[in-house]
Amino acid sequence: MLRRIMSTILIFVALAAIAAGVVYWVYDGYMFYRTDDAQVTGQILNVSAPAAGTLSSLSVSIGQTVSANQVIGTITLPSAAGGPASAPATVNLTSPINGTIVQVPAVQGQAVAPGLQLVSLTNLNALTITAYVDESAITNVSVNQAVDISIDAYNGTSFAGHVTQIVQATAGQFSLLPNEDPTSGNFTKVGQRIPILITLDNKNGKDIVPGMSAEVTIHLH
């Protein structure tokens, strides 16, 4: 008799636990959208050679901060053949923004051609998070929704942000490999993902750089 009562109680407890789990799952799905398919992004700008010549000076290094319009290098232009002897003409290279130097592929003294990349920089104070949302859930996402952000490099530290843009194209549209031709008879429907941009509201004193992996939790309601 006691065993039957205990069995009945255990069944009710198990059913209650399952019901609570289902309720929590539904509630959580209604309130939040989570994805670990996200990373820190930032606009990276290149400073390129405007003309052919010699990179006669280059005054920046990786990690250095610069100001907009700051002179960071000089190109000496070749003298005109048969021209009068005079001081060679020079062209200054300037930074397009306030930012941090992230790459310097050029070396002072090398010959340069128009369009050759010399320096790359980004504004580390204007970082965003790019996250990819399943197309089946994108109707629940809207601009200005609050976002909790976790960056893999700083496990245990939470960052705040908010949705600032929903890209008007799926991630597949930016792929280097085209989709299969649906007329070939081999078409397979694949769920698409849509990129969204999230503004990082604070850095909590951490050294956050473009390319870091992240996880986001979007507050839907």
N, C-alpha and C. Protein backbone atom coordinates (compact mmCIF):
# COMPACT_ATOMS: atom_id res chain seq x y z
N MET A 1 0.83 -1.20 0.00
CA MET A 1 0.00 0.00 0.00
C MET A 1 0.87 1.26 0.00
N LEU A 2 1.86 1.26 0.90
CA LEU A 2 2.76 2.39 1.00
C LEU A 2 3.55 2.56 -0.31
N ARG A 3 3.95 1.42 -0.89
CA ARG A 3 4.71 1.47 -2.14
C ARG A 3 3.85 2.09 -3.25
N ARG A 4 2.56 1.74 -3.29
CA ARG A 4 1.67 2.29 -4.31
C ARG A 4 1.50 3.80 -4.13
N ILE A 5 1.38 4.24 -2.87
CA ILE A 5 1.24 5.67 -2.59
C ILE A 5 2.50 6.42 -3.02
N MET A 6 3.66 5.83 -2.66
CA MET A 6 4.93 6.47 -3.01
C MET A 6 5.10 6.54 -4.53
N SER A 7 4.69 5.48 -5.21
CA SER A 7 4.79 5.48 -6.68
C SER A 7 3.91 6.55 -7.29
N THR A 8 2.70 6.69 -6.74
CA THR A 8 1.78 7.73 -7.24
C THR A 8 2.36 9.12 -7.01
N ILE A 9 2.94 9.32 -5.83
CA ILE A 9 3.53 10.61 -5.51
C ILE A 9 4.70 10.92 -6.45
N LEU A 10 5.54 9.92 -6.70
CA LEU A 10 6.69 10.11 -7.58
C LEU A 10 6.25 10.43 -9.01
N ILE A 11 5.16 9.78 -9.44
CA ILE A 11 4.64 10.06 -10.78
C ILE A 11 4.16 11.48 -10.88
N PHE A 12 3.42 11.94 -9.85
CA PHE A 12 2.94 13.32 -9.85
C PHE A 12 4.10 14.31 -9.81
N VAL A 13 5.13 14.00 -9.01
CA VAL A 13 6.30 14.89 -8.93
C VAL A 13 7.00 14.96 -10.28
N ALA A 14 7.14 13.81 -10.94
CA ALA A 14 7.79 13.78 -12.25
C ALA A 14 6.99 14.57 -13.27
N LEU A 15 5.66 14.38 -13.28
CA LEU A 15 4.81 15.12 -14.20
C LEU A 15 4.86 16.62 -13.94
N ALA A 16 4.90 16.99 -12.66
CA ALA A 16 4.98 18.41 -12.29
C ALA A 16 6.30 19.01 -12.77
N ALA A 17 7.39 18.24 -12.61
CA ALA A 17 8.70 18.72 -13.05
C ALA A 17 8.73 18.90 -14.57
N ILE A 18 8.15 17.93 -15.29
CA ILE A 18 8.08 18.04 -16.76
C ILE A 18 7.26 19.25 -17.17
N ALA A 19 6.10 19.43 -16.50
CA ALA A 19 5.24 20.57 -16.82
C ALA A 19 5.95 21.89 -16.54
N ALA A 20 6.68 21.94 -15.41
CA ALA A 20 7.42 23.16 -15.07
C ALA A 20 8.50 23.44 -16.11
N GLY A 21 9.16 22.36 -16.56
CA GLY A 21 10.20 22.53 -17.58
C GLY A 21 9.62 23.05 -18.89
N VAL A 22 8.46 22.52 -19.28
CA VAL A 22 7.82 22.97 -20.52
C VAL A 22 7.39 24.43 -20.39
N VAL A 23 6.81 24.79 -19.24
CA VAL A 23 6.38 26.18 -19.02
C VAL A 23 7.58 27.12 -19.09
N TYR A 24 8.69 26.72 -18.44
CA TYR A 24 9.89 27.56 -18.46
C TYR A 24 10.44 27.69 -19.87
N TRP A 25 10.44 26.59 -20.62
CA TRP A 25 10.96 26.61 -21.99
C TRP A 25 10.13 27.55 -22.87
N VAL A 26 8.80 27.49 -22.72
CA VAL A 26 7.92 28.37 -23.49
C VAL A 26 8.13 29.81 -23.08
N TYR A 27 8.19 30.05 -21.77
CA TYR A 27 8.38 31.41 -21.26
C TYR A 27 9.71 31.98 -21.72
N ASP A 28 10.77 31.17 -21.60
CA ASP A 28 12.10 31.63 -21.99
C ASP A 28 12.15 31.95 -23.48
N GLY A 29 11.53 31.10 -24.30
CA GLY A 29 11.52 31.35 -25.73
C GLY A 29 10.72 32.57 -26.11
N TYR A 30 9.71 32.89 -25.32
CA TYR A 30 8.89 34.08 -25.56
C TYR A 30 9.64 35.35 -25.16
N MET A 31 10.40 35.28 -24.08
CA MET A 31 11.05 36.46 -23.54
C MET A 31 12.42 36.74 -24.15
N PHE A 32 13.14 35.68 -24.55
CA PHE A 32 14.52 35.87 -24.97
C PHE A 32 14.83 35.09 -26.25
N TYR A 33 15.84 35.60 -26.98
CA TYR A 33 16.42 34.86 -28.10
C TYR A 33 17.92 34.81 -27.86
N ARG A 34 18.48 33.61 -27.87
CA ARG A 34 19.89 33.43 -27.58
C ARG A 34 20.62 32.84 -28.79
N THR A 35 21.84 33.30 -29.02
CA THR A 35 22.68 32.70 -30.05
C THR A 35 24.15 32.91 -29.69
N ASP A 36 24.96 31.91 -30.02
CA ASP A 36 26.41 32.05 -29.84
C ASP A 36 27.09 32.30 -31.19
N ASP A 37 26.28 32.51 -32.22
CA ASP A 37 26.80 32.83 -33.55
C ASP A 37 26.91 34.34 -33.66
N ALA A 38 27.91 34.89 -32.98
CA ALA A 38 28.08 36.34 -32.93
C ALA A 38 29.55 36.67 -32.71
N GLN A 39 29.94 37.85 -33.12
CA GLN A 39 31.32 38.30 -32.91
C GLN A 39 31.40 39.81 -32.87
N VAL A 40 32.49 40.29 -32.25
CA VAL A 40 32.75 41.72 -32.18
C VAL A 40 33.17 42.20 -33.57
N THR A 41 32.60 43.31 -34.01
CA THR A 41 32.94 43.87 -35.31
C THR A 41 33.22 45.36 -35.18
N GLY A 42 34.03 45.86 -36.09
CA GLY A 42 34.36 47.28 -36.12
C GLY A 42 34.79 47.66 -37.52
N GLN A 43 34.54 48.88 -37.90
CA GLN A 43 34.92 49.34 -39.24
C GLN A 43 36.43 49.51 -39.30
N ILE A 44 37.06 48.77 -40.20
CA ILE A 44 38.51 48.87 -40.40
C ILE A 44 38.76 49.63 -41.69
N LEU A 45 39.49 50.71 -41.58
CA LEU A 45 39.80 51.56 -42.73
C LEU A 45 41.26 51.40 -43.13
N ASN A 46 41.51 51.46 -44.42
CA ASN A 46 42.86 51.34 -44.95
C ASN A 46 43.35 52.69 -45.45
N VAL A 47 44.60 52.97 -45.18
CA VAL A 47 45.27 54.12 -45.78
C VAL A 47 46.15 53.57 -46.90
N SER A 48 45.88 53.99 -48.13
CA SER A 48 46.58 53.47 -49.30
C SER A 48 47.41 54.56 -49.96
N ALA A 49 48.35 54.14 -50.75
CA ALA A 49 49.20 55.09 -51.47
C ALA A 49 48.37 55.79 -52.55
N PRO A 50 48.37 57.13 -52.57
CA PRO A 50 47.61 57.84 -53.60
C PRO A 50 48.35 57.95 -54.92
N ALA A 51 49.66 57.68 -54.90
CA ALA A 51 50.46 57.82 -56.12
C ALA A 51 51.68 56.93 -56.02
N ALA A 52 52.35 56.71 -57.15
CA ALA A 52 53.58 55.92 -57.16
C ALA A 52 54.73 56.75 -56.61
N GLY A 53 55.64 56.07 -55.94
CA GLY A 53 56.79 56.76 -55.38
C GLY A 53 57.49 55.91 -54.35
N THR A 54 58.14 56.57 -53.39
CA THR A 54 58.86 55.89 -52.32
C THR A 54 58.27 56.30 -50.98
N LEU A 55 58.01 55.32 -50.14
CA LEU A 55 57.49 55.62 -48.80
C LEU A 55 58.66 56.13 -47.96
N SER A 56 58.86 57.41 -48.00
CA SER A 56 60.05 57.99 -47.37
C SER A 56 59.95 58.11 -45.85
N SER A 57 58.72 58.12 -45.31
CA SER A 57 58.56 58.13 -43.85
C SER A 57 57.28 57.42 -43.48
N LEU A 58 57.30 56.77 -42.32
CA LEU A 58 56.12 56.09 -41.78
C LEU A 58 56.25 56.12 -40.26
N SER A 59 55.41 56.92 -39.62
CA SER A 59 55.62 57.25 -38.21
C SER A 59 54.67 56.56 -37.24
N VAL A 60 54.00 55.48 -37.68
CA VAL A 60 53.06 54.80 -36.79
C VAL A 60 53.41 53.33 -36.67
N SER A 61 52.92 52.71 -35.59
CA SER A 61 53.13 51.28 -35.36
C SER A 61 51.84 50.67 -34.83
N ILE A 62 51.76 49.35 -34.83
CA ILE A 62 50.54 48.66 -34.37
C ILE A 62 50.26 49.00 -32.90
N GLY A 63 49.00 49.33 -32.63
CA GLY A 63 48.59 49.67 -31.27
C GLY A 63 48.62 51.15 -30.97
N GLN A 64 49.21 51.94 -31.84
CA GLN A 64 49.30 53.38 -31.61
C GLN A 64 47.98 54.05 -31.93
N THR A 65 47.60 55.03 -31.12
CA THR A 65 46.38 55.79 -31.38
C THR A 65 46.73 57.04 -32.19
N VAL A 66 45.85 57.41 -33.10
CA VAL A 66 46.08 58.57 -33.95
C VAL A 66 44.81 59.41 -34.00
N SER A 67 44.96 60.64 -34.44
CA SER A 67 43.82 61.55 -34.57
C SER A 67 43.48 61.73 -36.04
N ALA A 68 42.25 62.13 -36.29
CA ALA A 68 41.83 62.40 -37.67
C ALA A 68 42.70 63.49 -38.27
N ASN A 69 43.12 63.27 -39.50
CA ASN A 69 43.96 64.20 -40.28
C ASN A 69 45.40 64.28 -39.79
N GLN A 70 45.78 63.42 -38.83
CA GLN A 70 47.17 63.39 -38.39
C GLN A 70 48.05 62.82 -39.50
N VAL A 71 49.20 63.44 -39.75
CA VAL A 71 50.15 62.94 -40.75
C VAL A 71 50.85 61.70 -40.18
N ILE A 72 50.74 60.59 -40.91
CA ILE A 72 51.33 59.34 -40.43
C ILE A 72 52.45 58.84 -41.35
N GLY A 73 52.66 59.51 -42.47
CA GLY A 73 53.71 59.09 -43.38
C GLY A 73 53.83 60.04 -44.56
N THR A 74 54.88 59.81 -45.35
CA THR A 74 55.12 60.67 -46.51
C THR A 74 55.59 59.82 -47.69
N ILE A 75 55.06 60.13 -48.86
CA ILE A 75 55.51 59.48 -50.09
C ILE A 75 56.27 60.52 -50.92
N THR A 76 57.48 60.14 -51.33
CA THR A 76 58.26 61.00 -52.21
C THR A 76 58.01 60.57 -53.65
N LEU A 77 57.56 61.50 -54.45
CA LEU A 77 57.23 61.21 -55.84
C LEU A 77 58.49 61.19 -56.70
N PRO A 78 58.51 60.37 -57.74
CA PRO A 78 59.69 60.33 -58.62
C PRO A 78 59.86 61.64 -59.37
N SER A 79 61.13 62.00 -59.62
CA SER A 79 61.40 63.22 -60.37
C SER A 79 61.07 63.01 -61.83
N ALA A 80 60.62 64.06 -62.50
CA ALA A 80 60.31 63.97 -63.92
C ALA A 80 61.60 63.81 -64.72
N ALA A 81 61.59 62.85 -65.64
CA ALA A 81 62.79 62.59 -66.43
C ALA A 81 63.16 63.83 -67.24
N GLY A 82 64.42 64.22 -67.13
CA GLY A 82 64.88 65.36 -67.90
C GLY A 82 64.41 66.69 -67.34
N GLY A 83 63.75 66.69 -66.22
CA GLY A 83 63.25 67.93 -65.65
C GLY A 83 64.34 68.69 -64.95
N PRO A 84 64.06 69.91 -64.56
CA PRO A 84 65.05 70.71 -63.84
C PRO A 84 65.30 70.15 -62.46
N ALA A 85 66.53 70.25 -61.99
CA ALA A 85 66.88 69.74 -60.66
C ALA A 85 66.18 70.58 -59.60
N SER A 86 65.46 69.94 -58.72
CA SER A 86 64.75 70.63 -57.65
C SER A 86 64.41 69.61 -56.57
N ALA A 87 63.92 70.08 -55.45
CA ALA A 87 63.52 69.18 -54.36
C ALA A 87 62.37 68.30 -54.83
N PRO A 88 62.46 67.00 -54.59
CA PRO A 88 61.39 66.11 -55.05
C PRO A 88 60.06 66.43 -54.36
N ALA A 89 58.98 66.25 -55.08
CA ALA A 89 57.65 66.51 -54.53
C ALA A 89 57.27 65.39 -53.56
N THR A 90 56.52 65.71 -52.53
CA THR A 90 56.08 64.73 -51.54
C THR A 90 54.57 64.82 -51.34
N VAL A 91 54.00 63.73 -50.88
CA VAL A 91 52.58 63.66 -50.56
C VAL A 91 52.45 63.11 -49.14
N ASN A 92 51.71 63.82 -48.31
CA ASN A 92 51.50 63.36 -46.94
C ASN A 92 50.39 62.32 -46.86
N LEU A 93 50.58 61.33 -46.00
CA LEU A 93 49.53 60.35 -45.70
C LEU A 93 48.91 60.73 -44.37
N THR A 94 47.58 60.82 -44.33
CA THR A 94 46.90 61.24 -43.10
C THR A 94 45.89 60.20 -42.66
N SER A 95 45.63 60.19 -41.36
CA SER A 95 44.63 59.27 -40.81
C SER A 95 43.23 59.79 -41.11
N PRO A 96 42.32 58.94 -41.58
CA PRO A 96 40.96 59.40 -41.89
C PRO A 96 40.07 59.57 -40.66
N ILE A 97 40.47 58.96 -39.53
CA ILE A 97 39.62 59.00 -38.33
C ILE A 97 40.48 59.05 -37.07
N ASN A 98 39.82 59.30 -35.94
CA ASN A 98 40.45 59.04 -34.65
C ASN A 98 40.40 57.54 -34.43
N GLY A 99 41.53 56.90 -34.24
CA GLY A 99 41.49 55.45 -34.13
C GLY A 99 42.79 54.85 -33.63
N THR A 100 42.85 53.52 -33.76
CA THR A 100 44.01 52.75 -33.33
C THR A 100 44.56 51.98 -34.51
N ILE A 101 45.86 52.00 -34.68
CA ILE A 101 46.51 51.27 -35.77
C ILE A 101 46.46 49.77 -35.47
N VAL A 102 45.94 48.98 -36.42
CA VAL A 102 45.83 47.54 -36.21
C VAL A 102 46.70 46.73 -37.17
N GLN A 103 47.21 47.37 -38.21
CA GLN A 103 48.06 46.66 -39.16
C GLN A 103 48.93 47.67 -39.92
N VAL A 104 50.21 47.30 -40.07
CA VAL A 104 51.14 48.14 -40.84
C VAL A 104 51.92 47.22 -41.77
N PRO A 105 51.35 46.89 -42.94
CA PRO A 105 52.02 45.98 -43.86
C PRO A 105 53.16 46.62 -44.65
N ALA A 106 53.27 47.95 -44.62
CA ALA A 106 54.29 48.65 -45.40
C ALA A 106 55.56 48.85 -44.57
N VAL A 107 56.66 49.10 -45.26
CA VAL A 107 57.95 49.34 -44.61
C VAL A 107 58.53 50.64 -45.16
N GLN A 108 59.00 51.47 -44.27
CA GLN A 108 59.59 52.74 -44.71
C GLN A 108 60.72 52.47 -45.71
N GLY A 109 60.72 53.23 -46.79
CA GLY A 109 61.76 53.11 -47.80
C GLY A 109 61.36 52.27 -49.00
N GLN A 110 60.23 51.58 -48.92
CA GLN A 110 59.83 50.73 -50.03
C GLN A 110 59.18 51.54 -51.14
N ALA A 111 59.22 50.99 -52.34
CA ALA A 111 58.51 51.61 -53.46
C ALA A 111 57.03 51.26 -53.34
N VAL A 112 56.16 52.22 -53.68
CA VAL A 112 54.73 52.01 -53.58
C VAL A 112 54.06 52.35 -54.90
N ALA A 113 52.92 51.74 -55.12
CA ALA A 113 52.10 51.99 -56.31
C ALA A 113 50.74 52.50 -55.86
N PRO A 114 50.03 53.21 -56.71
CA PRO A 114 48.71 53.73 -56.34
C PRO A 114 47.78 52.61 -55.88
N GLY A 115 47.14 52.83 -54.73
CA GLY A 115 46.20 51.85 -54.19
C GLY A 115 46.81 50.83 -53.26
N LEU A 116 48.13 50.80 -53.13
CA LEU A 116 48.77 49.83 -52.24
C LEU A 116 48.44 50.13 -50.79
N GLN A 117 47.96 49.12 -50.05
CA GLN A 117 47.61 49.30 -48.64
C GLN A 117 48.87 49.52 -47.82
N LEU A 118 48.85 50.57 -47.02
CA LEU A 118 50.02 50.91 -46.20
C LEU A 118 49.75 50.74 -44.71
N VAL A 119 48.56 51.15 -44.27
CA VAL A 119 48.20 51.12 -42.85
C VAL A 119 46.71 50.81 -42.72
N SER A 120 46.33 50.05 -41.67
CA SER A 120 44.92 49.80 -41.36
C SER A 120 44.65 50.27 -39.93
N LEU A 121 43.48 50.86 -39.72
CA LEU A 121 43.13 51.33 -38.39
C LEU A 121 41.63 51.20 -38.16
N THR A 122 41.26 51.24 -36.88
CA THR A 122 39.84 51.15 -36.52
C THR A 122 39.59 51.98 -35.27
N ASN A 123 38.33 52.33 -35.06
CA ASN A 123 37.94 53.08 -33.87
C ASN A 123 37.44 52.08 -32.82
N LEU A 124 38.26 51.81 -31.81
CA LEU A 124 37.89 50.83 -30.78
C LEU A 124 36.82 51.35 -29.84
N ASN A 125 36.44 52.62 -29.99
CA ASN A 125 35.37 53.17 -29.16
C ASN A 125 34.02 53.13 -29.88
N ALA A 126 33.98 52.53 -31.05
CA ALA A 126 32.73 52.44 -31.82
C ALA A 126 32.53 51.01 -32.30
N LEU A 127 32.69 50.06 -31.39
CA LEU A 127 32.55 48.65 -31.75
C LEU A 127 31.09 48.22 -31.73
N THR A 128 30.78 47.22 -32.52
CA THR A 128 29.45 46.63 -32.54
C THR A 128 29.57 45.12 -32.42
N ILE A 129 28.45 44.48 -32.20
CA ILE A 129 28.37 43.02 -32.22
C ILE A 129 27.49 42.63 -33.41
N THR A 130 28.00 41.75 -34.25
CA THR A 130 27.17 41.21 -35.34
C THR A 130 26.72 39.82 -34.94
N ALA A 131 25.42 39.63 -34.85
CA ALA A 131 24.84 38.34 -34.48
C ALA A 131 23.94 37.85 -35.60
N TYR A 132 23.78 36.55 -35.71
CA TYR A 132 22.98 35.97 -36.78
C TYR A 132 21.75 35.29 -36.18
N VAL A 133 20.58 35.73 -36.63
CA VAL A 133 19.30 35.27 -36.08
C VAL A 133 18.60 34.40 -37.11
N ASP A 134 18.04 33.26 -36.66
CA ASP A 134 17.27 32.39 -37.55
C ASP A 134 16.11 33.16 -38.16
N GLU A 135 15.87 32.92 -39.44
CA GLU A 135 14.80 33.66 -40.11
C GLU A 135 13.43 33.41 -39.48
N SER A 136 13.26 32.26 -38.84
CA SER A 136 11.98 31.95 -38.20
C SER A 136 11.74 32.79 -36.95
N ALA A 137 12.82 33.43 -36.43
CA ALA A 137 12.68 34.22 -35.21
C ALA A 137 12.86 35.71 -35.44
N ILE A 138 13.18 36.10 -36.67
CA ILE A 138 13.53 37.50 -36.92
C ILE A 138 12.35 38.45 -36.72
N THR A 139 11.11 37.96 -36.87
CA THR A 139 9.95 38.84 -36.70
C THR A 139 9.80 39.30 -35.25
N ASN A 140 10.44 38.60 -34.32
CA ASN A 140 10.36 38.99 -32.91
C ASN A 140 11.46 39.96 -32.51
N VAL A 141 12.40 40.19 -33.41
CA VAL A 141 13.53 41.08 -33.10
C VAL A 141 13.26 42.46 -33.68
N SER A 142 13.54 43.49 -32.91
CA SER A 142 13.31 44.86 -33.39
C SER A 142 14.40 45.79 -32.84
N VAL A 143 14.55 46.92 -33.50
CA VAL A 143 15.55 47.91 -33.11
C VAL A 143 15.25 48.43 -31.70
N ASN A 144 16.32 48.67 -30.94
CA ASN A 144 16.30 49.20 -29.57
C ASN A 144 16.04 48.15 -28.50
N GLN A 145 15.83 46.89 -28.87
CA GLN A 145 15.70 45.86 -27.84
C GLN A 145 17.02 45.71 -27.08
N ALA A 146 16.92 45.52 -25.77
CA ALA A 146 18.11 45.36 -24.93
C ALA A 146 18.77 44.01 -25.20
N VAL A 147 20.08 43.96 -25.08
CA VAL A 147 20.84 42.74 -25.34
C VAL A 147 21.88 42.54 -24.24
N ASP A 148 21.94 41.33 -23.71
CA ASP A 148 23.01 40.93 -22.80
C ASP A 148 24.09 40.25 -23.64
N ILE A 149 25.34 40.64 -23.45
CA ILE A 149 26.44 40.16 -24.29
C ILE A 149 27.50 39.50 -23.42
N SER A 150 27.95 38.35 -23.88
CA SER A 150 29.08 37.66 -23.24
C SER A 150 30.16 37.46 -24.29
N ILE A 151 31.38 37.89 -23.98
CA ILE A 151 32.50 37.75 -24.91
C ILE A 151 33.42 36.65 -24.41
N ASP A 152 33.73 35.70 -25.28
CA ASP A 152 34.47 34.51 -24.88
C ASP A 152 35.77 34.85 -24.17
N ALA A 153 36.44 35.91 -24.60
CA ALA A 153 37.73 36.26 -24.00
C ALA A 153 37.59 36.72 -22.55
N TYR A 154 36.39 37.13 -22.15
CA TYR A 154 36.15 37.63 -20.80
C TYR A 154 34.98 36.89 -20.17
N ASN A 155 35.14 35.59 -20.04
CA ASN A 155 34.09 34.74 -19.48
C ASN A 155 33.74 35.20 -18.07
N GLY A 156 32.47 35.34 -17.80
CA GLY A 156 32.02 35.77 -16.48
C GLY A 156 31.73 37.26 -16.41
N THR A 157 32.11 38.01 -17.45
CA THR A 157 31.82 39.45 -17.50
C THR A 157 30.67 39.69 -18.46
N SER A 158 29.65 40.40 -18.00
CA SER A 158 28.49 40.68 -18.83
C SER A 158 28.58 42.10 -19.37
N PHE A 159 28.25 42.25 -20.65
CA PHE A 159 28.25 43.56 -21.29
C PHE A 159 26.82 43.86 -21.76
N ALA A 160 26.48 45.13 -21.77
CA ALA A 160 25.15 45.55 -22.19
C ALA A 160 25.20 46.13 -23.60
N GLY A 161 24.11 45.97 -24.32
CA GLY A 161 24.01 46.54 -25.66
C GLY A 161 22.56 46.65 -26.06
N HIS A 162 22.33 47.10 -27.30
CA HIS A 162 20.97 47.17 -27.82
C HIS A 162 21.01 47.01 -29.34
N VAL A 163 19.95 46.47 -29.88
CA VAL A 163 19.85 46.24 -31.32
C VAL A 163 19.75 47.59 -32.03
N THR A 164 20.62 47.81 -33.02
CA THR A 164 20.59 49.08 -33.76
C THR A 164 20.21 48.91 -35.23
N GLN A 165 20.36 47.70 -35.76
CA GLN A 165 20.02 47.51 -37.18
C GLN A 165 19.76 46.05 -37.47
N ILE A 166 18.76 45.81 -38.31
CA ILE A 166 18.50 44.47 -38.84
C ILE A 166 18.85 44.53 -40.32
N VAL A 167 19.86 43.79 -40.72
CA VAL A 167 20.34 43.84 -42.10
C VAL A 167 19.26 43.29 -43.03
N GLN A 168 19.02 43.98 -44.14
CA GLN A 168 17.95 43.61 -45.06
C GLN A 168 18.41 42.60 -46.10
N ALA A 169 19.09 41.56 -45.64
CA ALA A 169 19.52 40.46 -46.51
C ALA A 169 20.00 39.34 -45.61
N THR A 170 19.88 38.11 -46.08
CA THR A 170 20.35 36.98 -45.29
C THR A 170 21.86 36.87 -45.39
N ALA A 171 22.47 36.15 -44.44
CA ALA A 171 23.91 35.97 -44.45
C ALA A 171 24.38 35.26 -45.71
N GLY A 172 23.52 34.39 -46.26
CA GLY A 172 23.89 33.64 -47.46
C GLY A 172 24.10 34.51 -48.67
N GLN A 173 23.51 35.70 -48.69
CA GLN A 173 23.68 36.60 -49.82
C GLN A 173 25.08 37.18 -49.89
N PHE A 174 25.81 37.11 -48.77
CA PHE A 174 27.17 37.64 -48.74
C PHE A 174 28.22 36.54 -48.86
N SER A 175 27.77 35.30 -49.07
CA SER A 175 28.70 34.18 -49.17
C SER A 175 29.48 34.22 -50.47
N LEU A 176 30.74 33.79 -50.41
CA LEU A 176 31.57 33.73 -51.62
C LEU A 176 31.15 32.59 -52.53
N LEU A 177 30.50 31.57 -51.93
CA LEU A 177 30.05 30.42 -52.71
C LEU A 177 28.57 30.57 -53.00
N PRO A 178 28.15 30.55 -54.25
CA PRO A 178 26.73 30.72 -54.57
C PRO A 178 25.92 29.52 -54.14
N ASN A 179 24.62 29.74 -53.93
CA ASN A 179 23.71 28.65 -53.60
C ASN A 179 23.52 27.73 -54.80
N GLU A 180 23.11 26.49 -54.55
CA GLU A 180 22.85 25.57 -55.65
C GLU A 180 21.70 26.07 -56.51
N ASP A 181 21.79 25.78 -57.76
CA ASP A 181 20.73 26.17 -58.69
C ASP A 181 19.48 25.34 -58.39
N PRO A 182 18.38 25.98 -57.96
CA PRO A 182 17.17 25.22 -57.61
C PRO A 182 16.54 24.52 -58.81
N THR A 183 16.96 24.89 -60.02
CA THR A 183 16.39 24.24 -61.20
C THR A 183 17.12 22.96 -61.57
N SER A 184 18.18 22.65 -60.82
CA SER A 184 18.98 21.47 -61.16
C SER A 184 18.36 20.17 -60.66
N GLY A 185 17.35 20.29 -59.80
CA GLY A 185 16.74 19.10 -59.21
C GLY A 185 17.40 18.67 -57.92
N ASN A 186 18.46 19.40 -57.49
CA ASN A 186 19.18 19.06 -56.26
C ASN A 186 18.92 20.07 -55.16
N PHE A 187 17.89 20.88 -55.33
CA PHE A 187 17.63 21.94 -54.35
C PHE A 187 17.20 21.35 -53.00
N THR A 188 17.81 21.85 -51.94
CA THR A 188 17.43 21.47 -50.57
C THR A 188 17.18 22.75 -49.79
N LYS A 189 16.01 22.85 -49.21
CA LYS A 189 15.68 24.06 -48.46
C LYS A 189 16.51 24.12 -47.19
N VAL A 190 17.15 25.25 -46.97
CA VAL A 190 18.00 25.44 -45.80
C VAL A 190 17.53 26.68 -45.04
N GLY A 191 17.40 26.55 -43.72
CA GLY A 191 17.03 27.70 -42.92
C GLY A 191 18.09 28.78 -43.01
N GLN A 192 17.67 30.01 -43.25
CA GLN A 192 18.61 31.11 -43.43
C GLN A 192 18.78 31.89 -42.12
N ARG A 193 19.87 32.63 -42.05
CA ARG A 193 20.15 33.48 -40.90
C ARG A 193 20.28 34.92 -41.37
N ILE A 194 19.80 35.82 -40.53
CA ILE A 194 19.82 37.25 -40.87
C ILE A 194 20.73 37.99 -39.88
N PRO A 195 21.71 38.73 -40.38
CA PRO A 195 22.60 39.48 -39.48
C PRO A 195 21.88 40.65 -38.83
N ILE A 196 22.17 40.87 -37.58
CA ILE A 196 21.70 42.07 -36.88
C ILE A 196 22.92 42.74 -36.25
N LEU A 197 22.87 44.07 -36.15
CA LEU A 197 23.96 44.82 -35.53
C LEU A 197 23.53 45.28 -34.15
N ILE A 198 24.41 45.07 -33.20
CA ILE A 198 24.15 45.40 -31.80
C ILE A 198 25.22 46.38 -31.33
N THR A 199 24.79 47.52 -30.82
CA THR A 199 25.75 48.49 -30.29
C THR A 199 26.21 48.03 -28.92
N LEU A 200 27.51 48.05 -28.71
CA LEU A 200 28.09 47.70 -27.41
C LEU A 200 28.05 48.96 -26.54
N ASP A 201 27.19 48.97 -25.53
CA ASP A 201 26.99 50.17 -24.72
C ASP A 201 28.14 50.43 -23.76
N ASN A 202 28.85 49.39 -23.35
CA ASN A 202 29.96 49.59 -22.43
C ASN A 202 31.01 48.51 -22.65
N LYS A 203 32.24 48.81 -22.26
CA LYS A 203 33.34 47.85 -22.40
C LYS A 203 33.84 47.35 -21.05
N ASN A 204 33.28 47.89 -19.97
CA ASN A 204 33.66 47.47 -18.61
C ASN A 204 35.17 47.45 -18.40
N GLY A 205 35.85 48.37 -19.07
CA GLY A 205 37.29 48.45 -18.88
C GLY A 205 38.08 47.35 -19.56
N LYS A 206 37.44 46.55 -20.40
CA LYS A 206 38.12 45.43 -21.06
C LYS A 206 38.68 45.86 -22.42
N ASP A 207 39.74 45.17 -22.83
CA ASP A 207 40.37 45.44 -24.12
C ASP A 207 39.67 44.59 -25.18
N ILE A 208 38.60 45.13 -25.75
CA ILE A 208 37.79 44.41 -26.73
C ILE A 208 38.22 44.84 -28.13
N VAL A 209 38.43 43.86 -29.00
CA VAL A 209 38.89 44.16 -30.36
C VAL A 209 38.03 43.41 -31.37
N PRO A 210 37.97 43.90 -32.61
CA PRO A 210 37.18 43.23 -33.65
C PRO A 210 37.62 41.78 -33.86
N GLY A 211 36.64 40.91 -34.08
CA GLY A 211 36.92 39.51 -34.35
C GLY A 211 36.69 38.59 -33.17
N MET A 212 36.57 39.13 -31.95
CA MET A 212 36.35 38.28 -30.77
C MET A 212 34.98 37.60 -30.86
N SER A 213 34.93 36.34 -30.42
CA SER A 213 33.67 35.60 -30.42
C SER A 213 32.79 36.04 -29.26
N ALA A 214 31.47 35.99 -29.48
CA ALA A 214 30.55 36.47 -28.46
C ALA A 214 29.28 35.64 -28.45
N GLU A 215 28.51 35.75 -27.37
CA GLU A 215 27.17 35.17 -27.26
C GLU A 215 26.23 36.30 -26.86
N VAL A 216 25.02 36.28 -27.38
CA VAL A 216 24.07 37.35 -27.07
C VAL A 216 22.73 36.78 -26.64
N THR A 217 22.08 37.51 -25.77
CA THR A 217 20.72 37.21 -25.34
C THR A 217 19.88 38.47 -25.60
N ILE A 218 18.95 38.37 -26.54
CA ILE A 218 18.12 39.51 -26.91
C ILE A 218 16.83 39.47 -26.08
N HIS A 219 16.49 40.57 -25.45
CA HIS A 219 15.25 40.68 -24.68
C HIS A 219 14.12 41.00 -25.66
N LEU A 220 13.31 40.02 -25.97
CA LEU A 220 12.25 40.19 -26.97
C LEU A 220 11.04 40.93 -26.42
N HIS A 221 10.70 40.71 -25.18
CA HIS A 221 9.52 41.31 -24.57
C HIS A 221 9.84 41.81 -23.16
